[in-house]
PDB file of N, CA and C in Angstrom:
ATOM      1  N   MET A   1      21.617  20.930   3.871  1.00  0.00           N
ATOM      2  CA  MET A   1      20.213  20.793   3.537  1.00  0.00           C
ATOM      3  C   MET A   1      19.803  21.829   2.487  1.00  0.00           C
ATOM      4  N   GLU A   2      20.554  22.940   2.420  1.00  0.00           N
ATOM      5  CA  GLU A   2      20.173  23.996   1.487  1.00  0.00           C
ATOM      6  C   GLU A   2      20.375  23.623   0.025  1.00  0.00           C
ATOM      7  N   ASN A   3      21.071  22.520  -0.240  1.00  0.00           N
ATOM      8  CA  ASN A   3      21.267  22.082  -1.628  1.00  0.00           C
ATOM      9  C   ASN A   3      20.477  20.807  -1.942  1.00  0.00           C
ATOM     10  N   LYS A   4      19.528  20.460  -1.078  1.00  0.00           N
ATOM     11  CA  LYS A   4      18.728  19.248  -1.266  1.00  0.00           C
ATOM     12  C   LYS A   4      17.325  19.617  -1.734  1.00  0.00           C
ATOM     13  N   LEU A   5      16.859  18.904  -2.758  1.00  0.00           N
ATOM     14  CA  LEU A   5      15.545  19.151  -3.333  1.00  0.00           C
ATOM     15  C   LEU A   5      14.617  17.970  -3.097  1.00  0.00           C
ATOM     16  N   PHE A   6      13.356  18.275  -2.834  1.00  0.00           N
ATOM     17  CA  PHE A   6      12.305  17.267  -2.772  1.00  0.00           C
ATOM     18  C   PHE A   6      11.732  17.147  -4.177  1.00  0.00           C
ATOM     19  N   VAL A   7      11.513  15.925  -4.641  1.00  0.00           N
ATOM     20  CA  VAL A   7      10.902  15.694  -5.952  1.00  0.00           C
ATOM     21  C   VAL A   7       9.687  14.796  -5.731  1.00  0.00           C
ATOM     22  N   GLY A   8       8.509  15.309  -6.025  1.00  0.00           N
ATOM     23  CA  GLY A   8       7.274  14.562  -5.824  1.00  0.00           C
ATOM     24  C   GLY A   8       6.573  14.238  -7.128  1.00  0.00           C
ATOM     25  N   ASN A   9       5.569  13.389  -7.039  1.00  0.00           N
ATOM     26  CA  ASN A   9       4.747  12.947  -8.168  1.00  0.00           C
ATOM     27  C   ASN A   9       5.583  12.206  -9.214  1.00  0.00           C
ATOM     28  N   ILE A  10       6.542  11.427  -8.743  1.00  0.00           N
ATOM     29  CA  ILE A  10       7.397  10.649  -9.647  1.00  0.00           C
ATOM     30  C   ILE A  10       6.645   9.384 -10.063  1.00  0.00           C
ATOM     31  N   ASP A  11       6.658   9.101 -11.356  1.00  0.00           N
ATOM     32  CA  ASP A  11       6.056   7.872 -11.868  1.00  0.00           C
ATOM     33  C   ASP A  11       6.724   6.670 -11.190  1.00  0.00           C
ATOM     34  N   TRP A  12       5.938   5.661 -10.839  1.00  0.00           N
ATOM     35  CA  TRP A  12       6.468   4.502 -10.116  1.00  0.00           C
ATOM     36  C   TRP A  12       7.526   3.734 -10.889  1.00  0.00           C
ATOM     37  N   ASN A  13       7.539   3.857 -12.207  1.00  0.00           N
ATOM     38  CA  ASN A  13       8.518   3.130 -13.013  1.00  0.00           C
ATOM     39  C   ASN A  13       9.805   3.908 -13.259  1.00  0.00           C
ATOM     40  N   THR A  14       9.877   5.143 -12.794  1.00  0.00           N
ATOM     41  CA  THR A  14      11.076   5.958 -12.982  1.00  0.00           C
ATOM     42  C   THR A  14      12.207   5.409 -12.123  1.00  0.00           C
ATOM     43  N   GLN A  15      13.386   5.322 -12.715  1.00  0.00           N
ATOM     44  CA  GLN A  15      14.568   4.821 -12.011  1.00  0.00           C
ATOM     45  C   GLN A  15      15.425   5.997 -11.533  1.00  0.00           C
ATOM     46  N   GLU A  16      16.268   5.735 -10.526  1.00  0.00           N
ATOM     47  CA  GLU A  16      17.123   6.780  -9.976  1.00  0.00           C
ATOM     48  C   GLU A  16      18.065   7.358 -11.022  1.00  0.00           C
ATOM     49  N   ASP A  17      18.579   6.522 -11.942  1.00  0.00           N
ATOM     50  CA  ASP A  17      19.497   7.041 -12.958  1.00  0.00           C
ATOM     51  C   ASP A  17      18.783   7.995 -13.915  1.00  0.00           C
ATOM     52  N   GLU A  18      17.487   7.771 -14.183  1.00  0.00           N
ATOM     53  CA  GLU A  18      16.705   8.693 -15.019  1.00  0.00           C
ATOM     54  C   GLU A  18      16.549  10.041 -14.317  1.00  0.00           C
ATOM     55  N   LEU A  19      16.257   9.981 -13.018  1.00  0.00           N
ATOM     56  CA  LEU A  19      16.085  11.193 -12.231  1.00  0.00           C
ATOM     57  C   LEU A  19      17.391  11.986 -12.202  1.00  0.00           C
ATOM     58  N   ARG A  20      18.488  11.294 -11.953  1.00  0.00           N
ATOM     59  CA  ARG A  20      19.805  11.932 -11.919  1.00  0.00           C
ATOM     60  C   ARG A  20      20.127  12.586 -13.260  1.00  0.00           C
ATOM     61  N   ALA A  21      19.905  11.865 -14.357  1.00  0.00           N
ATOM     62  CA  ALA A  21      20.217  12.386 -15.692  1.00  0.00           C
ATOM     63  C   ALA A  21      19.414  13.653 -15.990  1.00  0.00           C
ATOM     64  N   LEU A  22      18.148  13.677 -15.591  1.00  0.00           N
ATOM     65  CA  LEU A  22      17.315  14.855 -15.819  1.00  0.00           C
ATOM     66  C   LEU A  22      17.884  16.068 -15.085  1.00  0.00           C
ATOM     67  N   PHE A  23      18.207  15.899 -13.816  1.00  0.00           N
ATOM     68  CA  PHE A  23      18.693  17.023 -13.019  1.00  0.00           C
ATOM     69  C   PHE A  23      20.101  17.445 -13.435  1.00  0.00           C
ATOM     70  N   GLU A  24      20.913  16.506 -13.887  1.00  0.00           N
ATOM     71  CA  GLU A  24      22.274  16.848 -14.313  1.00  0.00           C
ATOM     72  C   GLU A  24      22.289  17.696 -15.577  1.00  0.00           C
ATOM     73  N   GLN A  25      21.182  17.760 -16.296  1.00  0.00           N
ATOM     74  CA  GLN A  25      21.093  18.662 -17.444  1.00  0.00           C
ATOM     75  C   GLN A  25      21.094  20.123 -16.999  1.00  0.00           C
ATOM     76  N   HIS A  26      20.820  20.361 -15.709  1.00  0.00           N
ATOM     77  CA  HIS A  26      20.702  21.725 -15.190  1.00  0.00           C
ATOM     78  C   HIS A  26      21.766  22.081 -14.162  1.00  0.00           C
ATOM     79  N   ALA A  27      22.310  21.092 -13.450  1.00  0.00           N
ATOM     80  CA  ALA A  27      23.326  21.355 -12.426  1.00  0.00           C
ATOM     81  C   ALA A  27      23.983  20.034 -12.027  1.00  0.00           C
ATOM     82  N   PRO A  28      25.244  20.081 -11.572  1.00  0.00           N
ATOM     83  CA  PRO A  28      25.897  18.855 -11.101  1.00  0.00           C
ATOM     84  C   PRO A  28      25.153  18.261  -9.896  1.00  0.00           C
ATOM     85  N   VAL A  29      24.952  16.949  -9.937  1.00  0.00           N
ATOM     86  CA  VAL A  29      24.190  16.247  -8.899  1.00  0.00           C
ATOM     87  C   VAL A  29      25.129  15.420  -8.030  1.00  0.00           C
ATOM     88  N   GLN A  30      24.961  15.545  -6.732  1.00  0.00           N
ATOM     89  CA  GLN A  30      25.726  14.753  -5.771  1.00  0.00           C
ATOM     90  C   GLN A  30      25.056  13.399  -5.543  1.00  0.00           C
ATOM     91  N   GLU A  31      23.716  13.422  -5.429  1.00  0.00           N
ATOM     92  CA  GLU A  31      22.970  12.190  -5.135  1.00  0.00           C
ATOM     93  C   GLU A  31      21.529  12.334  -5.618  1.00  0.00           C
ATOM     94  N   ALA A  32      20.972  11.244  -6.127  1.00  0.00           N
ATOM     95  CA  ALA A  32      19.557  11.195  -6.508  1.00  0.00           C
ATOM     96  C   ALA A  32      18.979   9.905  -5.943  1.00  0.00           C
ATOM     97  N   VAL A  33      17.931  10.031  -5.135  1.00  0.00           N
ATOM     98  CA  VAL A  33      17.345   8.873  -4.457  1.00  0.00           C
ATOM     99  C   VAL A  33      15.834   8.891  -4.628  1.00  0.00           C
ATOM    100  N   ILE A  34      15.275   7.755  -5.007  1.00  0.00           N
ATOM    101  CA  ILE A  34      13.822   7.590  -5.032  1.00  0.00           C
ATOM    102  C   ILE A  34      13.467   6.731  -3.824  1.00  0.00           C
ATOM    103  N   ILE A  35      12.559   7.206  -3.005  1.00  0.00           N
ATOM    104  CA  ILE A  35      12.182   6.493  -1.784  1.00  0.00           C
ATOM    105  C   ILE A  35      11.299   5.309  -2.155  1.00  0.00           C
ATOM    106  N   LYS A  36      11.647   4.156  -1.573  1.00  0.00           N
ATOM    107  CA  LYS A  36      10.916   2.917  -1.873  1.00  0.00           C
ATOM    108  C   LYS A  36      10.315   2.340  -0.596  1.00  0.00           C
ATOM    109  N   ASP A  37       9.212   1.629  -0.768  1.00  0.00           N
ATOM    110  CA  ASP A  37       8.582   0.920   0.339  1.00  0.00           C
ATOM    111  C   ASP A  37       9.527  -0.178   0.807  1.00  0.00           C
ATOM    112  N   LYS A  38       9.769  -0.258   2.103  1.00  0.00           N
ATOM    113  CA  LYS A  38      10.751  -1.232   2.591  1.00  0.00           C
ATOM    114  C   LYS A  38      10.282  -2.676   2.479  1.00  0.00           C
ATOM    115  N   PHE A  39       8.991  -2.903   2.341  1.00  0.00           N
ATOM    116  CA  PHE A  39       8.498  -4.270   2.236  1.00  0.00           C
ATOM    117  C   PHE A  39       8.337  -4.725   0.790  1.00  0.00           C
ATOM    118  N   SER A  40       7.721  -3.888  -0.037  1.00  0.00           N
ATOM    119  CA  SER A  40       7.467  -4.288  -1.427  1.00  0.00           C
ATOM    120  C   SER A  40       8.587  -3.885  -2.376  1.00  0.00           C
ATOM    121  N   GLY A  41       9.377  -2.882  -1.995  1.00  0.00           N
ATOM    122  CA  GLY A  41      10.430  -2.399  -2.879  1.00  0.00           C
ATOM    123  C   GLY A  41       9.924  -1.455  -3.956  1.00  0.00           C
ATOM    124  N   ARG A  42       8.618  -1.168  -3.973  1.00  0.00           N
ATOM    125  CA  ARG A  42       8.040  -0.254  -4.969  1.00  0.00           C
ATOM    126  C   ARG A  42       8.307   1.194  -4.589  1.00  0.00           C
ATOM    127  N   SER A  43       8.402   2.019  -5.602  1.00  0.00           N
ATOM    128  CA  SER A  43       8.580   3.452  -5.405  1.00  0.00           C
ATOM    129  C   SER A  43       7.395   4.029  -4.644  1.00  0.00           C
ATOM    130  N   LYS A  44       7.677   4.976  -3.762  1.00  0.00           N
ATOM    131  CA  LYS A  44       6.601   5.681  -3.062  1.00  0.00           C
ATOM    132  C   LYS A  44       6.166   6.925  -3.833  1.00  0.00           C
ATOM    133  N   GLY A  45       6.808   7.177  -4.975  1.00  0.00           N
ATOM    134  CA  GLY A  45       6.400   8.296  -5.816  1.00  0.00           C
ATOM    135  C   GLY A  45       7.062   9.619  -5.478  1.00  0.00           C
ATOM    136  N   PHE A  46       8.083   9.576  -4.623  1.00  0.00           N
ATOM    137  CA  PHE A  46       8.827  10.799  -4.341  1.00  0.00           C
ATOM    138  C   PHE A  46      10.276  10.456  -4.051  1.00  0.00           C
ATOM    139  N   GLY A  47      11.104  11.478  -4.055  1.00  0.00           N
ATOM    140  CA  GLY A  47      12.520  11.258  -3.802  1.00  0.00           C
ATOM    141  C   GLY A  47      13.218  12.567  -3.498  1.00  0.00           C
ATOM    142  N   PHE A  48      14.545  12.498  -3.472  1.00  0.00           N
ATOM    143  CA  PHE A  48      15.356  13.662  -3.159  1.00  0.00           C
ATOM    144  C   PHE A  48      16.549  13.706  -4.094  1.00  0.00           C
ATOM    145  N   VAL A  49      16.904  14.919  -4.502  1.00  0.00           N
ATOM    146  CA  VAL A  49      18.094  15.132  -5.316  1.00  0.00           C
ATOM    147  C   VAL A  49      18.950  16.143  -4.578  1.00  0.00           C
ATOM    148  N   THR A  50      20.211  15.780  -4.334  1.00  0.00           N
ATOM    149  CA  THR A  50      21.152  16.685  -3.693  1.00  0.00           C
ATOM    150  C   THR A  50      22.078  17.239  -4.759  1.00  0.00           C
ATOM    151  N   LEU A  51      22.078  18.554  -4.895  1.00  0.00           N
ATOM    152  CA  LEU A  51      22.940  19.215  -5.865  1.00  0.00           C
ATOM    153  C   LEU A  51      24.301  19.480  -5.236  1.00  0.00           C
ATOM    154  N   GLU A  52      25.331  19.617  -6.071  1.00  0.00           N
ATOM    155  CA  GLU A  52      26.666  19.887  -5.546  1.00  0.00           C
ATOM    156  C   GLU A  52      26.782  21.301  -5.001  1.00  0.00           C
ATOM    157  N   SER A  53      25.961  22.235  -5.503  1.00  0.00           N
ATOM    158  CA  SER A  53      26.044  23.608  -5.009  1.00  0.00           C
ATOM    159  C   SER A  53      24.655  24.148  -4.699  1.00  0.00           C
ATOM    160  N   ALA A  54      24.571  24.909  -3.622  1.00  0.00           N
ATOM    161  CA  ALA A  54      23.296  25.495  -3.206  1.00  0.00           C
ATOM    162  C   ALA A  54      22.875  26.627  -4.140  1.00  0.00           C
ATOM    163  N   GLU A  55      23.829  27.200  -4.870  1.00  0.00           N
ATOM    164  CA  GLU A  55      23.528  28.321  -5.760  1.00  0.00           C
ATOM    165  C   GLU A  55      22.582  27.918  -6.893  1.00  0.00           C
ATOM    166  N   ALA A  56      22.601  26.665  -7.301  1.00  0.00           N
ATOM    167  CA  ALA A  56      21.799  26.211  -8.438  1.00  0.00           C
ATOM    168  C   ALA A  56      20.369  25.826  -8.062  1.00  0.00           C
ATOM    169  N   VAL A  57      20.048  25.805  -6.782  1.00  0.00           N
ATOM    170  CA  VAL A  57      18.751  25.301  -6.323  1.00  0.00           C
ATOM    171  C   VAL A  57      17.578  26.033  -6.976  1.00  0.00           C
ATOM    172  N   GLU A  58      17.559  27.354  -6.908  1.00  0.00           N
ATOM    173  CA  GLU A  58      16.428  28.118  -7.455  1.00  0.00           C
ATOM    174  C   GLU A  58      16.311  27.934  -8.963  1.00  0.00           C
ATOM    175  N   LYS A  59      17.451  27.894  -9.650  1.00  0.00           N
ATOM    176  CA  LYS A  59      17.444  27.707 -11.106  1.00  0.00           C
ATOM    177  C   LYS A  59      16.827  26.359 -11.471  1.00  0.00           C
ATOM    178  N   VAL A  60      17.220  25.317 -10.753  1.00  0.00           N
ATOM    179  CA  VAL A  60      16.717  23.970 -11.032  1.00  0.00           C
ATOM    180  C   VAL A  60      15.226  23.872 -10.710  1.00  0.00           C
ATOM    181  N   ILE A  61      14.795  24.459  -9.609  1.00  0.00           N
ATOM    182  CA  ILE A  61      13.368  24.451  -9.267  1.00  0.00           C
ATOM    183  C   ILE A  61      12.570  25.127 -10.378  1.00  0.00           C
ATOM    184  N   GLY A  62      13.031  26.281 -10.837  1.00  0.00           N
ATOM    185  CA  GLY A  62      12.342  27.005 -11.901  1.00  0.00           C
ATOM    186  C   GLY A  62      12.279  26.224 -13.201  1.00  0.00           C
ATOM    187  N   ALA A  63      13.346  25.483 -13.495  1.00  0.00           N
ATOM    188  CA  ALA A  63      13.407  24.742 -14.756  1.00  0.00           C
ATOM    189  C   ALA A  63      12.603  23.449 -14.722  1.00  0.00           C
ATOM    190  N   LEU A  64      12.547  22.776 -13.569  1.00  0.00           N
ATOM    191  CA  LEU A  64      11.982  21.425 -13.548  1.00  0.00           C
ATOM    192  C   LEU A  64      10.653  21.271 -12.809  1.00  0.00           C
ATOM    193  N   ASN A  65      10.243  22.245 -12.016  1.00  0.00           N
ATOM    194  CA  ASN A  65       8.954  22.118 -11.336  1.00  0.00           C
ATOM    195  C   ASN A  65       7.852  22.111 -12.390  1.00  0.00           C
ATOM    196  N   GLY A  66       7.075  21.037 -12.450  1.00  0.00           N
ATOM    197  CA  GLY A  66       6.023  20.880 -13.450  1.00  0.00           C
ATOM    198  C   GLY A  66       6.481  20.165 -14.715  1.00  0.00           C
ATOM    199  N   TYR A  67       7.764  19.830 -14.800  1.00  0.00           N
ATOM    200  CA  TYR A  67       8.307  19.129 -15.969  1.00  0.00           C
ATOM    201  C   TYR A  67       7.667  17.741 -16.088  1.00  0.00           C
ATOM    202  N   GLN A  68       7.320  17.339 -17.299  1.00  0.00           N
ATOM    203  CA  GLN A  68       6.720  16.018 -17.525  1.00  0.00           C
ATOM    204  C   GLN A  68       7.824  14.957 -17.572  1.00  0.00           C
ATOM    205  N   LEU A  69       7.879  14.103 -16.580  1.00  0.00           N
ATOM    206  CA  LEU A  69       8.838  12.999 -16.533  1.00  0.00           C
ATOM    207  C   LEU A  69       8.044  11.701 -16.598  1.00  0.00           C
ATOM    208  N   ASN A  70       8.234  10.950 -17.665  1.00  0.00           N
ATOM    209  CA  ASN A  70       7.499   9.698 -17.876  1.00  0.00           C
ATOM    210  C   ASN A  70       5.986   9.900 -17.760  1.00  0.00           C
ATOM    211  N   GLY A  71       5.513  11.012 -18.328  1.00  0.00           N
ATOM    212  CA  GLY A  71       4.076  11.257 -18.395  1.00  0.00           C
ATOM    213  C   GLY A  71       3.452  11.911 -17.184  1.00  0.00           C
ATOM    214  N   ARG A  72       4.255  12.266 -16.179  1.00  0.00           N
ATOM    215  CA  ARG A  72       3.699  12.901 -14.981  1.00  0.00           C
ATOM    216  C   ARG A  72       4.438  14.198 -14.688  1.00  0.00           C
ATOM    217  N   PRO A  73       3.713  15.244 -14.314  1.00  0.00           N
ATOM    218  CA  PRO A  73       4.388  16.503 -13.965  1.00  0.00           C
ATOM    219  C   PRO A  73       5.008  16.394 -12.569  1.00  0.00           C
ATOM    220  N   ILE A  74       6.326  16.479 -12.495  1.00  0.00           N
ATOM    221  CA  ILE A  74       6.979  16.351 -11.191  1.00  0.00           C
ATOM    222  C   ILE A  74       6.892  17.667 -10.419  1.00  0.00           C
ATOM    223  N   VAL A  75       6.922  17.547  -9.116  1.00  0.00           N
ATOM    224  CA  VAL A  75       6.913  18.693  -8.214  1.00  0.00           C
ATOM    225  C   VAL A  75       8.317  18.793  -7.634  1.00  0.00           C
ATOM    226  N   VAL A  76       8.950  19.947  -7.810  1.00  0.00           N
ATOM    227  CA  VAL A  76      10.309  20.139  -7.304  1.00  0.00           C
ATOM    228  C   VAL A  76      10.298  21.330  -6.358  1.00  0.00           C
ATOM    229  N   SER A  77      10.802  21.118  -5.138  1.00  0.00           N
ATOM    230  CA  SER A  77      10.878  22.199  -4.155  1.00  0.00           C
ATOM    231  C   SER A  77      12.057  21.937  -3.226  1.00  0.00           C
ATOM    232  N   LYS A  78      12.389  22.940  -2.425  1.00  0.00           N
ATOM    233  CA  LYS A  78      13.462  22.763  -1.446  1.00  0.00           C
ATOM    234  C   LYS A  78      13.016  21.717  -0.427  1.00  0.00           C
ATOM    235  N   ALA A  79      13.930  20.848  -0.073  1.00  0.00           N
ATOM    236  CA  ALA A  79      13.622  19.828   0.936  1.00  0.00           C
ATOM    237  C   ALA A  79      13.571  20.489   2.306  1.00  0.00           C
ATOM    238  N   ARG A  80      12.668  20.019   3.128  1.00  0.00           N
ATOM    239  CA  ARG A  80      12.566  20.504   4.503  1.00  0.00           C
ATOM    240  C   ARG A  80      13.118  19.436   5.437  1.00  0.00           C
ATOM    241  N   PRO A  81      13.635  19.840   6.589  1.00  0.00           N
ATOM    242  CA  PRO A  81      14.118  18.832   7.539  1.00  0.00           C
ATOM    243  C   PRO A  81      12.986  17.896   7.955  1.00  0.00           C
ATOM    244  N   ALA A  82      13.321  16.646   8.155  1.00  0.00           N
ATOM    245  CA  ALA A  82      12.322  15.656   8.578  1.00  0.00           C
ATOM    246  C   ALA A  82      11.832  15.996   9.981  1.00  0.00           C
ATOM    247  N   LYS A  83      10.549  15.764  10.200  1.00  0.00           N
ATOM    248  CA  LYS A  83      10.000  15.963  11.535  1.00  0.00           C
ATOM    249  C   LYS A  83      10.531  14.857  12.436  1.00  0.00           C
ATOM    250  N   PRO A  84      10.818  15.178  13.690  1.00  0.00           N
ATOM    251  CA  PRO A  84      11.278  14.117  14.589  1.00  0.00           C
ATOM    252  C   PRO A  84      10.206  13.047  14.738  1.00  0.00           C
ATOM    253  N   LYS A  85      10.632  11.813  14.726  1.00  0.00           N
ATOM    254  CA  LYS A  85       9.675  10.714  14.856  1.00  0.00           C
ATOM    255  C   LYS A  85       9.192  10.636  16.294  1.00  0.00           C
ATOM    256  N   THR A  86       7.896  10.443  16.422  1.00  0.00           N
ATOM    257  CA  THR A  86       7.330  10.290  17.751  1.00  0.00           C
ATOM    258  C   THR A  86       7.012   8.824  17.970  1.00  0.00           C
ATOM    259  N   SER A  87       7.099   8.423  19.192  1.00  0.00           N
ATOM    260  CA  SER A  87       6.818   7.036  19.535  1.00  0.00           C
ATOM    261  C   SER A  87       5.328   6.766  19.365  1.00  0.00           C
ATOM    262  N   ARG A  88       5.018   5.646  18.755  1.00  0.00           N
ATOM    263  CA  ARG A  88       3.606   5.275  18.591  1.00  0.00           C
ATOM    264  C   ARG A  88       3.097   4.484  19.796  1.00  0.00           C
ATOM    265  N   SER A  89       4.001   4.077  20.632  1.00  0.00           N
ATOM    266  CA  SER A  89       3.565   3.296  21.791  1.00  0.00           C
ATOM    267  C   SER A  89       2.993   4.222  22.856  1.00  0.00           C
ATOM    268  N   ASN A  90       2.211   3.666  23.687  1.00  0.00           N
ATOM    269  CA  ASN A  90       1.616   4.424  24.767  1.00  0.00           C
ATOM    270  C   ASN A  90       2.527   4.276  25.977  1.00  0.00           C
ATOM    271  N   ASP A  91       3.321   5.328  26.241  1.00  0.00           N
ATOM    272  CA  ASP A  91       4.289   5.258  27.334  1.00  0.00           C
ATOM    273  C   ASP A  91       3.677   5.617  28.685  1.00  0.00           C
ATOM    274  N   ARG A  92       2.397   5.951  28.688  1.00  0.00           N
ATOM    275  CA  ARG A  92       1.763   6.300  29.959  1.00  0.00           C
ATOM    276  C   ARG A  92       1.409   5.029  30.726  1.00  0.00           C
ATOM    277  N   TYR A  93       1.390   5.164  32.021  1.00  0.00           N
ATOM    278  CA  TYR A  93       1.055   4.008  32.856  1.00  0.00           C
ATOM    279  C   TYR A  93      -0.366   4.043  33.290  1.00  0.00           C
TER     280      TYR A  93
END
């Protein structure tokens, strides 16, 4: 998790290969994913980039946080672990 970055404020038309290419200018990338709505298939405007090494994380954040990608300033920060999902059903009797 220490080599995974959260990328926010991504333009809806940005493709994963564009995101990967941008980050690879600064460090080798293991994976670049833009999160999409499971029903419409549209981008949710954020994603994650996993770098090959944790050492490059701070350098990449410094270089790309606020960078204009397709007309929007992206937000780049360390990814945090997902919160455990809670049941939405009412399990009480």
